[in-house]
């Protein structure tokens, strides 16, 4: 027979697993959507400009800025095609 504390611990573990599963699902969805937007922006200078205008200056952490800089440079090239 399990104690009330054990039952609570099991339920908390189950909840944590469900939260983790949900987080992974949301991350996957964001990756898919971002990939599609970038694929379209590559061939659509107007979309590339729009996305650049929306995100430039939004990255405040230095590590994020360094990581995203090459992609933003590439997007600027796409934006200047048209």
C-alpha atoms as a PDB file:
ATOM      1  CA  UNK A   1       0.000   0.000   0.000  1.00  0.00           C
ATOM      2  CA  UNK A   2       1.362   3.388  -0.945  1.00  0.00           C
ATOM      3  CA  UNK A   3       1.294   6.382   1.292  1.00  0.00           C
ATOM      4  CA  UNK A   4      -0.331   9.663   0.392  1.00  0.00           C
ATOM      5  CA  UNK A   5       3.140  11.239  -0.033  1.00  0.00           C
ATOM      6  CA  UNK A   6       4.146   8.511  -2.467  1.00  0.00           C
ATOM      7  CA  UNK A   7       0.959   9.011  -4.462  1.00  0.00           C
ATOM      8  CA  UNK A   8       1.601  12.759  -4.575  1.00  0.00           C
ATOM      9  CA  UNK A   9       5.189  12.183  -5.701  1.00  0.00           C
ATOM     10  CA  UNK A  10       4.007   9.873  -8.507  1.00  0.00           C
ATOM     11  CA  UNK A  11       1.455  12.415  -9.672  1.00  0.00           C
ATOM     12  CA  UNK A  12       4.068  15.179  -9.600  1.00  0.00           C
ATOM     13  CA  UNK A  13       6.407  13.003 -11.670  1.00  0.00           C
ATOM     14  CA  UNK A  14       3.601  12.336 -14.136  1.00  0.00           C
ATOM     15  CA  UNK A  15       2.802  16.054 -14.338  1.00  0.00           C
ATOM     16  CA  UNK A  16       6.473  16.873 -14.926  1.00  0.00           C
ATOM     17  CA  UNK A  17       6.642  14.316 -17.735  1.00  0.00           C
ATOM     18  CA  UNK A  18       3.541  15.814 -19.363  1.00  0.00           C
ATOM     19  CA  UNK A  19       4.959  19.348 -19.050  1.00  0.00           C
ATOM     20  CA  UNK A  20       8.213  18.183 -20.626  1.00  0.00           C
ATOM     21  CA  UNK A  21       6.326  16.499 -23.456  1.00  0.00           C
ATOM     22  CA  UNK A  22       4.322  19.682 -24.051  1.00  0.00           C
ATOM     23  CA  UNK A  23       7.491  21.819 -24.041  1.00  0.00           C
ATOM     24  CA  UNK A  24       9.086  19.537 -26.622  1.00  0.00           C
ATOM     25  CA  UNK A  25       5.971  19.695 -28.794  1.00  0.00           C
ATOM     26  CA  UNK A  26       5.913  23.501 -28.660  1.00  0.00           C
ATOM     27  CA  UNK A  27       9.623  23.715 -29.456  1.00  0.00           C
ATOM     28  CA  UNK A  28       9.172  21.421 -32.442  1.00  0.00           C
ATOM     29  CA  UNK A  29       6.253  23.485 -33.700  1.00  0.00           C
ATOM     30  CA  UNK A  30       8.308  26.691 -33.442  1.00  0.00           C
ATOM     31  CA  UNK A  31      11.194  25.115 -35.338  1.00  0.00           C
ATOM     32  CA  UNK A  32       8.913  23.923 -38.132  1.00  0.00           C
ATOM     33  CA  UNK A  33       7.199  27.309 -38.441  1.00  0.00           C
ATOM     34  CA  UNK A  34      10.484  29.245 -38.362  1.00  0.00           C
ATOM     35  CA  UNK A  35      11.971  26.940 -40.981  1.00  0.00           C
ATOM     36  CA  UNK A  36       9.038  27.487 -43.294  1.00  0.00           C
ATOM     37  CA  UNK A  37       9.133  31.261 -42.828  1.00  0.00           C
ATOM     38  CA  UNK A  38      12.865  31.323 -43.582  1.00  0.00           C
ATOM     39  CA  UNK A  39      12.405  29.134 -46.658  1.00  0.00           C
ATOM     40  CA  UNK A  40       9.778  31.528 -47.981  1.00  0.00           C
ATOM     41  CA  UNK A  41      11.797  34.630 -47.053  1.00  0.00           C
ATOM     42  CA  UNK A  42      14.728  33.309 -49.057  1.00  0.00           C
ATOM     43  CA  UNK A  43      12.647  33.669 -52.230  1.00  0.00           C
ATOM     44  CA  UNK A  44      10.558  36.666 -51.155  1.00  0.00           C
ATOM     45  CA  UNK A  45      12.537  39.873 -50.498  1.00  0.00           C
ATOM     46  CA  UNK A  46       9.469  41.619 -49.098  1.00  0.00           C
ATOM     47  CA  UNK A  47       8.956  38.885 -46.517  1.00  0.00           C
ATOM     48  CA  UNK A  48      12.663  38.929 -45.669  1.00  0.00           C
ATOM     49  CA  UNK A  49      12.508  42.696 -45.080  1.00  0.00           C
ATOM     50  CA  UNK A  50       9.362  42.326 -42.979  1.00  0.00           C
ATOM     51  CA  UNK A  51      10.924  39.645 -40.780  1.00  0.00           C
ATOM     52  CA  UNK A  52      14.136  41.651 -40.398  1.00  0.00           C
ATOM     53  CA  UNK A  53      12.174  44.728 -39.353  1.00  0.00           C
ATOM     54  CA  UNK A  54      10.308  42.665 -36.768  1.00  0.00           C
ATOM     55  CA  UNK A  55      13.371  41.042 -35.173  1.00  0.00           C
ATOM     56  CA  UNK A  56      16.280  43.446 -35.524  1.00  0.00           C
ATOM     57  CA  UNK A  57      17.194  44.865 -32.138  1.00  0.00           C
ATOM     58  CA  UNK A  58      15.083  42.314 -30.263  1.00  0.00           C
ATOM     59  CA  UNK A  59      18.006  40.119 -29.223  1.00  0.00           C
ATOM     60  CA  UNK A  60      19.389  41.528 -25.995  1.00  0.00           C
ATOM     61  CA  UNK A  61      21.611  38.691 -24.799  1.00  0.00           C
ATOM     62  CA  UNK A  62      25.094  38.814 -26.284  1.00  0.00           C
ATOM     63  CA  UNK A  63      25.111  35.056 -26.882  1.00  0.00           C
ATOM     64  CA  UNK A  64      21.838  35.312 -28.826  1.00  0.00           C
ATOM     65  CA  UNK A  65      23.187  38.249 -30.857  1.00  0.00           C
ATOM     66  CA  UNK A  66      26.309  36.316 -31.821  1.00  0.00           C
ATOM     67  CA  UNK A  67      24.322  33.225 -32.707  1.00  0.00           C
ATOM     68  CA  UNK A  68      21.741  34.996 -34.852  1.00  0.00           C
ATOM     69  CA  UNK A  69      24.074  37.495 -36.580  1.00  0.00           C
ATOM     70  CA  UNK A  70      25.041  35.230 -39.523  1.00  0.00           C
ATOM     71  CA  UNK A  71      21.393  34.430 -40.237  1.00  0.00           C
ATOM     72  CA  UNK A  72      20.402  38.097 -40.106  1.00  0.00           C
ATOM     73  CA  UNK A  73      23.234  38.906 -42.522  1.00  0.00           C
ATOM     74  CA  UNK A  74      21.953  36.240 -44.891  1.00  0.00           C
ATOM     75  CA  UNK A  75      18.410  37.558 -44.557  1.00  0.00           C
ATOM     76  CA  UNK A  76      19.667  41.060 -45.454  1.00  0.00           C
ATOM     77  CA  UNK A  77      21.018  39.583 -48.683  1.00  0.00           C
ATOM     78  CA  UNK A  78      17.611  38.055 -49.407  1.00  0.00           C
ATOM     79  CA  UNK A  79      15.916  41.370 -48.624  1.00  0.00           C
ATOM     80  CA  UNK A  80      18.180  43.254 -51.045  1.00  0.00           C
ATOM     81  CA  UNK A  81      17.351  40.971 -53.984  1.00  0.00           C
ATOM     82  CA  UNK A  82      14.184  42.833 -54.808  1.00  0.00           C
END
